[in-house]
C-alpha cells in the first residue's frame, strides 16, 4: 500500500490519500482530463479507465461508479512486482497524453 500510494503521488497532478482498510487506492487523476491520445480525449474517469486498459494494460474502476468522477480505483491485492510493472505502464501511458 505504501509503495503504491507514494508512487501515485510522485506523478505530477495526481493526489492520493492512504487507504485505511481495503486493498484499494483511489487517486485523483482529474488533472489529466482534457488531454488526448490518438484523437481520443480523456474527459472523465470512464475514458481514463478505458485508456489505462487499452494502452497500459492496467485494469481500474472509474470513480464515477462510486460517485467521484475525478478518481480511479486500483486494487493492490497482488505482488509488489506486478504493482511496480503496472505503475510504470501507467506512468508511460500518462506521458503519451497531449
PDB file of N, CA and C in Angstrom:
ATOM      1  N   UNK A   1       0.819  -1.195   0.000  1.00  0.00           N
ATOM      2  CA  UNK A   1       0.000   0.000   0.000  1.00  0.00           C
ATOM      3  C   UNK A   1       0.858   1.251   0.000  1.00  0.00           C
ATOM      4  N   UNK A   2       1.835   1.293   0.882  1.00  0.00           N
ATOM      5  CA  UNK A   2       2.655   2.496   0.997  1.00  0.00           C
ATOM      6  C   UNK A   2       3.397   2.800  -0.297  1.00  0.00           C
ATOM      7  N   UNK A   3       3.970   1.765  -0.918  1.00  0.00           N
ATOM      8  CA  UNK A   3       4.659   1.967  -2.181  1.00  0.00           C
ATOM      9  C   UNK A   3       3.707   2.519  -3.237  1.00  0.00           C
ATOM     10  N   UNK A   4       2.538   1.894  -3.370  1.00  0.00           N
ATOM     11  CA  UNK A   4       1.576   2.280  -4.400  1.00  0.00           C
ATOM     12  C   UNK A   4       1.149   3.740  -4.212  1.00  0.00           C
ATOM     13  N   UNK A   5       0.799   4.109  -2.998  1.00  0.00           N
ATOM     14  CA  UNK A   5       0.353   5.481  -2.720  1.00  0.00           C
ATOM     15  C   UNK A   5       1.469   6.481  -3.013  1.00  0.00           C
ATOM     16  N   UNK A   6       2.673   6.200  -2.553  1.00  0.00           N
ATOM     17  CA  UNK A   6       3.782   7.127  -2.779  1.00  0.00           C
ATOM     18  C   UNK A   6       4.128   7.231  -4.259  1.00  0.00           C
ATOM     19  N   UNK A   7       4.071   6.113  -4.981  1.00  0.00           N
ATOM     20  CA  UNK A   7       4.363   6.149  -6.410  1.00  0.00           C
ATOM     21  C   UNK A   7       3.291   6.931  -7.164  1.00  0.00           C
ATOM     22  N   UNK A   8       2.036   6.787  -6.777  1.00  0.00           N
ATOM     23  CA  UNK A   8       0.968   7.590  -7.382  1.00  0.00           C
ATOM     24  C   UNK A   8       1.190   9.069  -7.108  1.00  0.00           C
ATOM     25  N   UNK A   9       1.545   9.400  -5.893  1.00  0.00           N
ATOM     26  CA  UNK A   9       1.775  10.801  -5.525  1.00  0.00           C
ATOM     27  C   UNK A   9       2.956  11.409  -6.263  1.00  0.00           C
ATOM     28  N   UNK A  10       3.859  10.574  -6.741  1.00  0.00           N
ATOM     29  CA  UNK A  10       5.026  11.084  -7.471  1.00  0.00           C
ATOM     30  C   UNK A  10       4.661  11.537  -8.883  1.00  0.00           C
ATOM     31  N   UNK A  11       3.474  11.189  -9.345  1.00  0.00           N
ATOM     32  CA  UNK A  11       3.018  11.587 -10.679  1.00  0.00           C
ATOM     33  C   UNK A  11       2.454  13.004 -10.583  1.00  0.00           C
ATOM     34  N   UNK A  12       2.972  13.887 -11.425  1.00  0.00           N
ATOM     35  CA  UNK A  12       2.519  15.276 -11.399  1.00  0.00           C
ATOM     36  C   UNK A  12       1.010  15.361 -11.615  1.00  0.00           C
ATOM     37  N   UNK A  13       0.332  16.092 -10.736  1.00  0.00           N
ATOM     38  CA  UNK A  13      -1.100  16.307 -10.860  1.00  0.00           C
ATOM     39  C   UNK A  13      -1.968  15.255 -10.191  1.00  0.00           C
ATOM     40  N   UNK A  14      -1.366  14.196  -9.659  1.00  0.00           N
ATOM     41  CA  UNK A  14      -2.138  13.111  -9.031  1.00  0.00           C
ATOM     42  C   UNK A  14      -2.028  13.231  -7.518  1.00  0.00           C
ATOM     43  N   UNK A  15      -3.160  13.123  -6.845  1.00  0.00           N
ATOM     44  CA  UNK A  15      -3.168  13.086  -5.386  1.00  0.00           C
ATOM     45  C   UNK A  15      -3.836  11.794  -4.937  1.00  0.00           C
ATOM     46  N   UNK A  16      -3.436  11.329  -3.761  1.00  0.00           N
ATOM     47  CA  UNK A  16      -3.976  10.062  -3.252  1.00  0.00           C
ATOM     48  C   UNK A  16      -3.824  10.029  -1.736  1.00  0.00           C
ATOM     49  N   UNK A  17      -4.897   9.666  -1.055  1.00  0.00           N
ATOM     50  CA  UNK A  17      -4.836   9.500   0.397  1.00  0.00           C
ATOM     51  C   UNK A  17      -4.523   8.041   0.713  1.00  0.00           C
ATOM     52  N   UNK A  18      -3.987   7.805   1.887  1.00  0.00           N
ATOM     53  CA  UNK A  18      -3.715   6.439   2.325  1.00  0.00           C
ATOM     54  C   UNK A  18      -5.025   5.732   2.650  1.00  0.00           C
ATOM     55  N   UNK A  19      -5.280   4.581   2.020  1.00  0.00           N
ATOM     56  CA  UNK A  19      -6.483   3.820   2.396  1.00  0.00           C
ATOM     57  C   UNK A  19      -6.294   3.212   3.781  1.00  0.00           C
ATOM     58  N   UNK A  20      -7.367   3.123   4.526  1.00  0.00           N
ATOM     59  CA  UNK A  20      -7.288   2.596   5.883  1.00  0.00           C
ATOM     60  C   UNK A  20      -7.697   1.141   6.003  1.00  0.00           C
ATOM     61  N   UNK A  21      -8.444   0.628   5.034  1.00  0.00           N
ATOM     62  CA  UNK A  21      -8.963  -0.717   5.227  1.00  0.00           C
ATOM     63  C   UNK A  21      -8.691  -1.672   4.096  1.00  0.00           C
ATOM     64  N   UNK A  22      -9.369  -1.516   3.016  1.00  0.00           N
ATOM     65  CA  UNK A  22      -9.352  -2.499   1.927  1.00  0.00           C
ATOM     66  C   UNK A  22      -8.064  -2.428   1.106  1.00  0.00           C
ATOM     67  N   UNK A  23      -7.991  -3.282   0.096  1.00  0.00           N
ATOM     68  CA  UNK A  23      -6.826  -3.375  -0.778  1.00  0.00           C
ATOM     69  C   UNK A  23      -7.004  -2.527  -2.034  1.00  0.00           C
ATOM     70  N   UNK A  24      -7.430  -1.286  -1.855  1.00  0.00           N
ATOM     71  CA  UNK A  24      -7.680  -0.394  -2.979  1.00  0.00           C
ATOM     72  C   UNK A  24      -7.096   0.981  -2.702  1.00  0.00           C
ATOM     73  N   UNK A  25      -6.665   1.643  -3.777  1.00  0.00           N
ATOM     74  CA  UNK A  25      -6.307   3.059  -3.705  1.00  0.00           C
ATOM     75  C   UNK A  25      -7.283   3.803  -4.600  1.00  0.00           C
ATOM     76  N   UNK A  26      -7.472   5.080  -4.315  1.00  0.00           N
ATOM     77  CA  UNK A  26      -8.477   5.876  -5.021  1.00  0.00           C
ATOM     78  C   UNK A  26      -7.881   7.249  -5.347  1.00  0.00           C
ATOM     79  N   UNK A  27      -6.897   7.286  -6.269  1.00  0.00           N
ATOM     80  CA  UNK A  27      -6.241   8.550  -6.590  1.00  0.00           C
ATOM     81  C   UNK A  27      -7.070   9.456  -7.484  1.00  0.00           C
ATOM     82  N   UNK A  28      -6.821  10.746  -7.351  1.00  0.00           N
ATOM     83  CA  UNK A  28      -7.462  11.766  -8.169  1.00  0.00           C
ATOM     84  C   UNK A  28      -6.594  12.010  -9.402  1.00  0.00           C
ATOM     85  N   UNK A  29      -7.150  11.729 -10.583  1.00  0.00           N
ATOM     86  CA  UNK A  29      -6.457  11.908 -11.861  1.00  0.00           C
ATOM     87  C   UNK A  29      -7.076  13.024 -12.694  1.00  0.00           C
ATOM     88  N   UNK A  30      -7.899  13.872 -12.114  1.00  0.00           N
ATOM     89  CA  UNK A  30      -8.633  14.869 -12.892  1.00  0.00           C
ATOM     90  C   UNK A  30      -7.716  15.854 -13.617  1.00  0.00           C
ATOM     91  N   UNK A  31      -6.477  15.985 -13.195  1.00  0.00           N
ATOM     92  CA  UNK A  31      -5.531  16.869 -13.881  1.00  0.00           C
ATOM     93  C   UNK A  31      -5.273  16.406 -15.315  1.00  0.00           C
ATOM     94  N   UNK A  32      -5.600  15.158 -15.614  1.00  0.00           N
ATOM     95  CA  UNK A  32      -5.377  14.609 -16.953  1.00  0.00           C
ATOM     96  C   UNK A  32      -6.616  14.696 -17.838  1.00  0.00           C
ATOM     97  N   UNK A  33      -7.734  15.139 -17.293  1.00  0.00           N
ATOM     98  CA  UNK A  33      -8.945  15.287 -18.094  1.00  0.00           C
ATOM     99  C   UNK A  33      -8.752  16.448 -19.072  1.00  0.00           C
ATOM    100  N   UNK A  34      -9.190  16.222 -20.285  1.00  0.00           N
ATOM    101  CA  UNK A  34      -8.998  17.207 -21.338  1.00  0.00           C
ATOM    102  C   UNK A  34      -7.797  16.894 -22.214  1.00  0.00           C
ATOM    103  N   UNK A  35      -6.928  15.994 -21.771  1.00  0.00           N
ATOM    104  CA  UNK A  35      -5.788  15.582 -22.586  1.00  0.00           C
ATOM    105  C   UNK A  35      -6.250  14.496 -23.555  1.00  0.00           C
ATOM    106  N   UNK A  36      -5.400  14.216 -24.539  1.00  0.00           N
ATOM    107  CA  UNK A  36      -5.817  13.244 -25.550  1.00  0.00           C
ATOM    108  C   UNK A  36      -4.656  12.390 -26.025  1.00  0.00           C
ATOM    109  N   UNK A  37      -5.019  11.296 -26.697  1.00  0.00           N
ATOM    110  CA  UNK A  37      -4.065  10.374 -27.312  1.00  0.00           C
ATOM    111  C   UNK A  37      -4.737   9.771 -28.537  1.00  0.00           C
ATOM    112  N   UNK A  38      -4.094   9.925 -29.693  1.00  0.00           N
ATOM    113  CA  UNK A  38      -4.640   9.389 -30.947  1.00  0.00           C
ATOM    114  C   UNK A  38      -6.107   9.762 -31.136  1.00  0.00           C
ATOM    115  N   UNK A  39      -6.394  11.030 -30.996  1.00  0.00           N
ATOM    116  CA  UNK A  39      -7.734  11.578 -31.198  1.00  0.00           C
ATOM    117  C   UNK A  39      -8.772  11.140 -30.164  1.00  0.00           C
ATOM    118  N   UNK A  40      -8.360  10.394 -29.134  1.00  0.00           N
ATOM    119  CA  UNK A  40      -9.267  10.043 -28.036  1.00  0.00           C
ATOM    120  C   UNK A  40      -9.034  11.035 -26.907  1.00  0.00           C
ATOM    121  N   UNK A  41     -10.094  11.718 -26.505  1.00  0.00           N
ATOM    122  CA  UNK A  41      -9.995  12.694 -25.423  1.00  0.00           C
ATOM    123  C   UNK A  41     -10.320  12.012 -24.100  1.00  0.00           C
ATOM    124  N   UNK A  42      -9.489  12.271 -23.106  1.00  0.00           N
ATOM    125  CA  UNK A  42      -9.738  11.789 -21.748  1.00  0.00           C
ATOM    126  C   UNK A  42     -10.637  12.824 -21.084  1.00  0.00           C
ATOM    127  N   UNK A  43     -11.906  12.520 -20.972  1.00  0.00           N
ATOM    128  CA  UNK A  43     -12.859  13.510 -20.477  1.00  0.00           C
ATOM    129  C   UNK A  43     -13.399  13.207 -19.085  1.00  0.00           C
ATOM    130  N   UNK A  44     -13.205  11.975 -18.616  1.00  0.00           N
ATOM    131  CA  UNK A  44     -13.778  11.581 -17.324  1.00  0.00           C
ATOM    132  C   UNK A  44     -13.122  10.288 -16.857  1.00  0.00           C
ATOM    133  N   UNK A  45     -13.585   9.777 -15.723  1.00  0.00           N
ATOM    134  CA  UNK A  45     -12.974   8.561 -15.171  1.00  0.00           C
ATOM    135  C   UNK A  45     -13.217   7.336 -16.046  1.00  0.00           C
ATOM    136  N   UNK A  46     -14.316   7.304 -16.766  1.00  0.00           N
ATOM    137  CA  UNK A  46     -14.583   6.172 -17.655  1.00  0.00           C
ATOM    138  C   UNK A  46     -13.583   6.159 -18.804  1.00  0.00           C
ATOM    139  N   UNK A  47     -13.384   7.297 -19.451  1.00  0.00           N
ATOM    140  CA  UNK A  47     -12.448   7.338 -20.579  1.00  0.00           C
ATOM    141  C   UNK A  47     -11.008   7.119 -20.119  1.00  0.00           C
ATOM    142  N   UNK A  48     -10.652   7.569 -18.921  1.00  0.00           N
ATOM    143  CA  UNK A  48      -9.303   7.325 -18.412  1.00  0.00           C
ATOM    144  C   UNK A  48      -9.115   5.853 -18.072  1.00  0.00           C
ATOM    145  N   UNK A  49     -10.105   5.230 -17.456  1.00  0.00           N
ATOM    146  CA  UNK A  49     -10.016   3.791 -17.165  1.00  0.00           C
ATOM    147  C   UNK A  49      -9.895   2.982 -18.452  1.00  0.00           C
ATOM    148  N   UNK A  50     -10.665   3.369 -19.462  1.00  0.00           N
ATOM    149  CA  UNK A  50     -10.558   2.696 -20.768  1.00  0.00           C
ATOM    150  C   UNK A  50      -9.166   2.877 -21.356  1.00  0.00           C
ATOM    151  N   UNK A  51      -8.634   4.075 -21.247  1.00  0.00           N
ATOM    152  CA  UNK A  51      -7.291   4.364 -21.756  1.00  0.00           C
ATOM    153  C   UNK A  51      -6.242   3.519 -21.037  1.00  0.00           C
ATOM    154  N   UNK A  52      -6.328   3.454 -19.709  1.00  0.00           N
ATOM    155  CA  UNK A  52      -5.375   2.631 -18.963  1.00  0.00           C
ATOM    156  C   UNK A  52      -5.457   1.166 -19.399  1.00  0.00           C
ATOM    157  N   UNK A  53      -6.654   0.677 -19.616  1.00  0.00           N
ATOM    158  CA  UNK A  53      -6.803  -0.717 -20.041  1.00  0.00           C
ATOM    159  C   UNK A  53      -6.245  -0.923 -21.451  1.00  0.00           C
ATOM    160  N   UNK A  54      -6.595  -0.042 -22.370  1.00  0.00           N
ATOM    161  CA  UNK A  54      -6.168  -0.188 -23.763  1.00  0.00           C
ATOM    162  C   UNK A  54      -4.678   0.044 -23.955  1.00  0.00           C
ATOM    163  N   UNK A  55      -4.143   1.100 -23.370  1.00  0.00           N
ATOM    164  CA  UNK A  55      -2.759   1.498 -23.642  1.00  0.00           C
ATOM    165  C   UNK A  55      -1.756   0.980 -22.621  1.00  0.00           C
ATOM    166  N   UNK A  56      -2.151   0.908 -21.354  1.00  0.00           N
ATOM    167  CA  UNK A  56      -1.220   0.474 -20.309  1.00  0.00           C
ATOM    168  C   UNK A  56      -1.431  -0.979 -19.906  1.00  0.00           C
ATOM    169  N   UNK A  57      -2.538  -1.547 -20.352  1.00  0.00           N
ATOM    170  CA  UNK A  57      -2.906  -2.921 -19.968  1.00  0.00           C
ATOM    171  C   UNK A  57      -3.031  -3.052 -18.456  1.00  0.00           C
ATOM    172  N   UNK A  58      -3.620  -2.000 -17.845  1.00  0.00           N
ATOM    173  CA  UNK A  58      -3.865  -1.966 -16.403  1.00  0.00           C
ATOM    174  C   UNK A  58      -5.361  -1.778 -16.183  1.00  0.00           C
ATOM    175  N   UNK A  59      -5.954  -2.682 -15.416  1.00  0.00           N
ATOM    176  CA  UNK A  59      -7.383  -2.597 -15.121  1.00  0.00           C
ATOM    177  C   UNK A  59      -7.629  -1.651 -13.945  1.00  0.00           C
ATOM    178  N   UNK A  60      -8.695  -0.893 -14.055  1.00  0.00           N
ATOM    179  CA  UNK A  60      -9.108   0.012 -12.988  1.00  0.00           C
ATOM    180  C   UNK A  60     -10.618   0.152 -13.045  1.00  0.00           C
ATOM    181  N   UNK A  61     -11.170   0.792 -12.033  1.00  0.00           N
ATOM    182  CA  UNK A  61     -12.608   1.044 -11.997  1.00  0.00           C
ATOM    183  C   UNK A  61     -12.811   2.552 -12.004  1.00  0.00           C
ATOM    184  N   UNK A  62     -13.627   3.061 -12.917  1.00  0.00           N
ATOM    185  CA  UNK A  62     -13.880   4.500 -12.944  1.00  0.00           C
ATOM    186  C   UNK A  62     -14.492   4.982 -11.629  1.00  0.00           C
ATOM    187  N   UNK A  63     -14.031   6.113 -11.173  1.00  0.00           N
ATOM    188  CA  UNK A  63     -14.537   6.668  -9.921  1.00  0.00           C
ATOM    189  C   UNK A  63     -16.009   7.021  -9.958  1.00  0.00           C
ATOM    190  N   UNK A  64     -16.540   7.268 -11.148  1.00  0.00           N
ATOM    191  CA  UNK A  64     -17.966   7.607 -11.252  1.00  0.00           C
ATOM    192  C   UNK A  64     -18.837   6.493 -10.671  1.00  0.00           C
ATOM    193  N   UNK A  65     -18.346   5.259 -10.696  1.00  0.00           N
ATOM    194  CA  UNK A  65     -19.093   4.141 -10.114  1.00  0.00           C
ATOM    195  C   UNK A  65     -19.286   4.312  -8.610  1.00  0.00           C
ATOM    196  N   UNK A  66     -18.458   5.176  -8.007  1.00  0.00           N
ATOM    197  CA  UNK A  66     -18.539   5.448  -6.568  1.00  0.00           C
ATOM    198  C   UNK A  66     -18.991   6.884  -6.308  1.00  0.00           C
ATOM    199  N   UNK A  67     -19.464   7.553  -7.364  1.00  0.00           N
ATOM    200  CA  UNK A  67     -19.938   8.927  -7.230  1.00  0.00           C
ATOM    201  C   UNK A  67     -18.834   9.961  -7.192  1.00  0.00           C
ATOM    202  N   UNK A  68     -17.630   9.600  -7.665  1.00  0.00           N
ATOM    203  CA  UNK A  68     -16.487  10.519  -7.611  1.00  0.00           C
ATOM    204  C   UNK A  68     -15.728  10.447  -8.931  1.00  0.00           C
ATOM    205  N   UNK A  69     -16.180  11.208  -9.914  1.00  0.00           N
ATOM    206  CA  UNK A  69     -15.661  11.103 -11.274  1.00  0.00           C
ATOM    207  C   UNK A  69     -14.217  11.566 -11.431  1.00  0.00           C
ATOM    208  N   UNK A  70     -13.660  12.281 -10.476  1.00  0.00           N
ATOM    209  CA  UNK A  70     -12.265  12.736 -10.571  1.00  0.00           C
ATOM    210  C   UNK A  70     -11.274  11.626 -10.219  1.00  0.00           C
ATOM    211  N   UNK A  71     -11.770  10.497  -9.761  1.00  0.00           N
ATOM    212  CA  UNK A  71     -10.919   9.444  -9.218  1.00  0.00           C
ATOM    213  C   UNK A  71     -10.989   8.153 -10.034  1.00  0.00           C
ATOM    214  N   UNK A  72      -9.959   7.322  -9.844  1.00  0.00           N
ATOM    215  CA  UNK A  72      -9.866   5.991 -10.435  1.00  0.00           C
ATOM    216  C   UNK A  72      -9.539   5.028  -9.302  1.00  0.00           C
ATOM    217  N   UNK A  73     -10.120   3.856  -9.324  1.00  0.00           N
ATOM    218  CA  UNK A  73      -9.859   2.872  -8.266  1.00  0.00           C
ATOM    219  C   UNK A  73      -8.971   1.757  -8.801  1.00  0.00           C
ATOM    220  N   UNK A  74      -7.903   1.469  -8.071  1.00  0.00           N
ATOM    221  CA  UNK A  74      -6.999   0.372  -8.382  1.00  0.00           C
ATOM    222  C   UNK A  74      -6.925  -0.567  -7.181  1.00  0.00           C
ATOM    223  N   UNK A  75      -6.794  -1.838  -7.438  1.00  0.00           N
ATOM    224  CA  UNK A  75      -6.551  -2.815  -6.379  1.00  0.00           C
ATOM    225  C   UNK A  75      -5.058  -3.045  -6.248  1.00  0.00           C
ATOM    226  N   UNK A  76      -4.605  -3.230  -5.015  1.00  0.00           N
ATOM    227  CA  UNK A  76      -3.203  -3.603  -4.820  1.00  0.00           C
ATOM    228  C   UNK A  76      -3.094  -4.973  -4.151  1.00  0.00           C
ATOM    229  N   UNK A  77      -4.093  -5.816  -4.394  1.00  0.00           N
ATOM    230  CA  UNK A  77      -4.083  -7.188  -3.858  1.00  0.00           C
ATOM    231  C   UNK A  77      -3.339  -8.100  -4.838  1.00  0.00           C
ATOM    232  N   UNK A  78      -2.053  -7.810  -5.004  1.00  0.00           N
ATOM    233  CA  UNK A  78      -1.195  -8.581  -5.897  1.00  0.00           C
ATOM    234  C   UNK A  78       0.240  -8.419  -5.427  1.00  0.00           C
ATOM    235  N   UNK A  79       1.162  -8.991  -6.159  1.00  0.00           N
ATOM    236  CA  UNK A  79       2.573  -8.931  -5.750  1.00  0.00           C
ATOM    237  C   UNK A  79       3.164  -7.548  -5.997  1.00  0.00           C
ATOM    238  N   UNK A  80       4.241  -7.266  -5.305  1.00  0.00           N
ATOM    239  CA  UNK A  80       4.949  -5.998  -5.483  1.00  0.00           C
ATOM    240  C   UNK A  80       5.463  -5.880  -6.916  1.00  0.00           C
ATOM    241  N   UNK A  81       5.920  -6.960  -7.489  1.00  0.00           N
ATOM    242  CA  UNK A  81       6.414  -6.940  -8.865  1.00  0.00           C
ATOM    243  C   UNK A  81       5.322  -6.499  -9.839  1.00  0.00           C
ATOM    244  N   UNK A  82       4.123  -7.047  -9.673  1.00  0.00           N
ATOM    245  CA  UNK A  82       3.004  -6.680 -10.550  1.00  0.00           C
ATOM    246  C   UNK A  82       2.635  -5.210 -10.355  1.00  0.00           C
ATOM    247  N   UNK A  83       2.627  -4.741  -9.128  1.00  0.00           N
ATOM    248  CA  UNK A  83       2.319  -3.335  -8.852  1.00  0.00           C
ATOM    249  C   UNK A  83       3.357  -2.427  -9.496  1.00  0.00           C
ATOM    250  N   UNK A  84       4.628  -2.757  -9.354  1.00  0.00           N
ATOM    251  CA  UNK A  84       5.685  -1.925  -9.930  1.00  0.00           C
ATOM    252  C   UNK A  84       5.599  -1.876 -11.454  1.00  0.00           C
ATOM    253  N   UNK A  85       5.371  -3.017 -12.086  1.00  0.00           N
ATOM    254  CA  UNK A  85       5.238  -3.035 -13.543  1.00  0.00           C
ATOM    255  C   UNK A  85       4.002  -2.261 -13.991  1.00  0.00           C
ATOM    256  N   UNK A  86       2.901  -2.419 -13.272  1.00  0.00           N
ATOM    257  CA  UNK A  86       1.678  -1.689 -13.598  1.00  0.00           C
ATOM    258  C   UNK A  86       1.850  -0.191 -13.443  1.00  0.00           C
ATOM    259  N   UNK A  87       2.513   0.218 -12.389  1.00  0.00           N
ATOM    260  CA  UNK A  87       2.746   1.652 -12.173  1.00  0.00           C
ATOM    261  C   UNK A  87       3.607   2.231 -13.286  1.00  0.00           C
ATOM    262  N   UNK A  88       4.610   1.499 -13.729  1.00  0.00           N
ATOM    263  CA  UNK A  88       5.439   2.002 -14.815  1.00  0.00           C
ATOM    264  C   UNK A  88       4.624   2.141 -16.097  1.00  0.00           C
ATOM    265  N   UNK A  89       3.742   1.188 -16.352  1.00  0.00           N
ATOM    266  CA  UNK A  89       2.890   1.274 -17.543  1.00  0.00           C
ATOM    267  C   UNK A  89       1.909   2.448 -17.440  1.00  0.00           C
ATOM    268  N   UNK A  90       1.383   2.710 -16.241  1.00  0.00           N
ATOM    269  CA  UNK A  90       0.504   3.873 -16.034  1.00  0.00           C
ATOM    270  C   UNK A  90       1.273   5.159 -16.325  1.00  0.00           C
ATOM    271  N   UNK A  91       2.480   5.287 -15.764  1.00  0.00           N
ATOM    272  CA  UNK A  91       3.290   6.485 -15.982  1.00  0.00           C
ATOM    273  C   UNK A  91       3.614   6.657 -17.465  1.00  0.00           C
ATOM    274  N   UNK A  92       3.965   5.584 -18.139  1.00  0.00           N
ATOM    275  CA  UNK A  92       4.276   5.654 -19.567  1.00  0.00           C
ATOM    276  C   UNK A  92       3.052   6.092 -20.369  1.00  0.00           C
ATOM    277  N   UNK A  93       1.878   5.556 -20.012  1.00  0.00           N
ATOM    278  CA  UNK A  93       0.643   5.931 -20.716  1.00  0.00           C
ATOM    279  C   UNK A  93       0.315   7.397 -20.487  1.00  0.00           C
ATOM    280  N   UNK A  94       0.468   7.872 -19.273  1.00  0.00           N
ATOM    281  CA  UNK A  94       0.188   9.281 -18.978  1.00  0.00           C
ATOM    282  C   UNK A  94       1.143  10.202 -19.728  1.00  0.00           C
ATOM    283  N   UNK A  95       2.376   9.767 -19.902  1.00  0.00           N
ATOM    284  CA  UNK A  95       3.381  10.572 -20.613  1.00  0.00           C
ATOM    285  C   UNK A  95       3.040  10.716 -22.090  1.00  0.00           C
ATOM    286  N   UNK A  96       2.219   9.826 -22.622  1.00  0.00           N
ATOM    287  CA  UNK A  96       1.830   9.886 -24.033  1.00  0.00           C
ATOM    288  C   UNK A  96       0.683  10.872 -24.293  1.00  0.00           C
ATOM    289  N   UNK A  97       0.037  11.331 -23.244  1.00  0.00           N
ATOM    290  CA  UNK A  97      -1.104  12.234 -23.420  1.00  0.00           C
ATOM    291  C   UNK A  97      -0.646  13.640 -23.789  1.00  0.00           C
ATOM    292  N   UNK A  98      -1.401  14.268 -24.664  1.00  0.00           N
ATOM    293  CA  UNK A  98      -1.114  15.657 -25.078  1.00  0.00           C
ATOM    294  C   UNK A  98      -2.127  16.595 -24.462  1.00  0.00           C
TER     295      UNK A  98
END
